[in-house]
Amino acid sequence: MNYILAILLPPLSIALTGRIFLAIVTFIIWIPALIFSGGLTHPMFILLAWLIIFQSRESRGH
């Protein structure tokens, strides 16, 4: 479910993995990037969120 949320709101899905500071920094960068690029940078933030979600799931498994 968190992967679907990462498509719509990457900073929120990062925050749900427990990385609050990274979520705040991502949100601060994400909003101007969406406005000035017209959404062209959104896939970059989706990939970032997916990598962080994957990393948090891997660390829970060990």
C-alpha atoms as a PDB file:
ATOM      1  CA  MET A   1       0.000   0.000   0.000  1.00  0.00           C
ATOM      2  CA  ASN A   2       2.874   2.323   0.748  1.00  0.00           C
ATOM      3  CA  TYR A   3       4.166   1.883  -2.824  1.00  0.00           C
ATOM      4  CA  ILE A   4       0.866   3.201  -4.206  1.00  0.00           C
ATOM      5  CA  LEU A   5       1.021   6.148  -1.820  1.00  0.00           C
ATOM      6  CA  ALA A   6       4.560   6.828  -3.073  1.00  0.00           C
ATOM      7  CA  ILE A   7       3.160   7.420  -6.545  1.00  0.00           C
ATOM      8  CA  LEU A   8       0.747  10.087  -5.325  1.00  0.00           C
ATOM      9  CA  LEU A   9       2.531  11.679  -2.344  1.00  0.00           C
ATOM     10  CA  PRO A  10       6.187  10.640  -2.072  1.00  0.00           C
ATOM     11  CA  PRO A  11       6.990  12.741   1.040  1.00  0.00           C
ATOM     12  CA  LEU A  12       4.100  11.203   2.973  1.00  0.00           C
ATOM     13  CA  SER A  13       5.139   7.667   2.113  1.00  0.00           C
ATOM     14  CA  ILE A  14       8.707   8.472   3.213  1.00  0.00           C
ATOM     15  CA  ALA A  15       7.330   9.777   6.509  1.00  0.00           C
ATOM     16  CA  LEU A  16       5.354   6.550   7.015  1.00  0.00           C
ATOM     17  CA  THR A  17       8.587   4.549   6.809  1.00  0.00           C
ATOM     18  CA  GLY A  18       9.836   6.438   9.876  1.00  0.00           C
ATOM     19  CA  ARG A  19      12.211   8.892   8.252  1.00  0.00           C
ATOM     20  CA  ILE A  20      10.567  12.147   9.299  1.00  0.00           C
ATOM     21  CA  PHE A  21      13.532  14.454   8.670  1.00  0.00           C
ATOM     22  CA  LEU A  22      14.045  13.070   5.159  1.00  0.00           C
ATOM     23  CA  ALA A  23      10.312  13.439   4.490  1.00  0.00           C
ATOM     24  CA  ILE A  24      10.397  17.112   5.502  1.00  0.00           C
ATOM     25  CA  VAL A  25      13.433  17.820   3.315  1.00  0.00           C
ATOM     26  CA  THR A  26      11.841  15.951   0.419  1.00  0.00           C
ATOM     27  CA  PHE A  27       8.614  17.918   0.823  1.00  0.00           C
ATOM     28  CA  ILE A  28      10.494  21.222   0.816  1.00  0.00           C
ATOM     29  CA  ILE A  29      12.213  20.258  -2.443  1.00  0.00           C
ATOM     30  CA  TRP A  30       9.211  18.442  -3.979  1.00  0.00           C
ATOM     31  CA  ILE A  31       6.730  21.363  -4.008  1.00  0.00           C
ATOM     32  CA  PRO A  32       8.926  23.863  -5.919  1.00  0.00           C
ATOM     33  CA  ALA A  33      10.103  21.083  -8.239  1.00  0.00           C
ATOM     34  CA  LEU A  34       6.494  20.290  -9.145  1.00  0.00           C
ATOM     35  CA  ILE A  35       5.645  23.932  -9.712  1.00  0.00           C
ATOM     36  CA  PHE A  36       8.684  24.948 -11.753  1.00  0.00           C
ATOM     37  CA  SER A  37       9.140  21.779 -13.808  1.00  0.00           C
ATOM     38  CA  GLY A  38       5.478  21.115 -14.419  1.00  0.00           C
ATOM     39  CA  GLY A  39       5.664  17.649 -12.898  1.00  0.00           C
ATOM     40  CA  LEU A  40       8.675  16.420 -14.865  1.00  0.00           C
ATOM     41  CA  THR A  41      10.650  15.750 -11.670  1.00  0.00           C
ATOM     42  CA  HIS A  42       7.870  13.793  -9.988  1.00  0.00           C
ATOM     43  CA  PRO A  43       9.173  10.371 -11.179  1.00  0.00           C
ATOM     44  CA  MET A  44      12.485  11.106  -9.469  1.00  0.00           C
ATOM     45  CA  PHE A  45      10.716  11.524  -6.136  1.00  0.00           C
ATOM     46  CA  ILE A  46       8.679   8.373  -6.736  1.00  0.00           C
ATOM     47  CA  LEU A  47      11.896   6.407  -7.256  1.00  0.00           C
ATOM     48  CA  LEU A  48      13.390   7.926  -4.120  1.00  0.00           C
ATOM     49  CA  ALA A  49      10.343   6.922  -2.078  1.00  0.00           C
ATOM     50  CA  TRP A  50      10.357   3.385  -3.516  1.00  0.00           C
ATOM     51  CA  LEU A  51      14.033   2.953  -2.684  1.00  0.00           C
ATOM     52  CA  ILE A  52      13.498   4.137   0.885  1.00  0.00           C
ATOM     53  CA  ILE A  53      10.470   1.864   1.337  1.00  0.00           C
ATOM     54  CA  PHE A  54      12.422  -1.095  -0.042  1.00  0.00           C
ATOM     55  CA  GLN A  55      15.388  -0.298   2.197  1.00  0.00           C
ATOM     56  CA  SER A  56      13.208  -0.079   5.309  1.00  0.00           C
ATOM     57  CA  ARG A  57      11.549  -3.420   4.517  1.00  0.00           C
ATOM     58  CA  GLU A  58      14.940  -5.052   3.983  1.00  0.00           C
ATOM     59  CA  SER A  59      16.278  -3.741   7.284  1.00  0.00           C
ATOM     60  CA  ARG A  60      13.203  -5.080   9.125  1.00  0.00           C
ATOM     61  CA  GLY A  61      13.811  -8.515   7.648  1.00  0.00           C
ATOM     62  CA  HIS A  62      17.288  -8.844   9.146  1.00  0.00           C
END
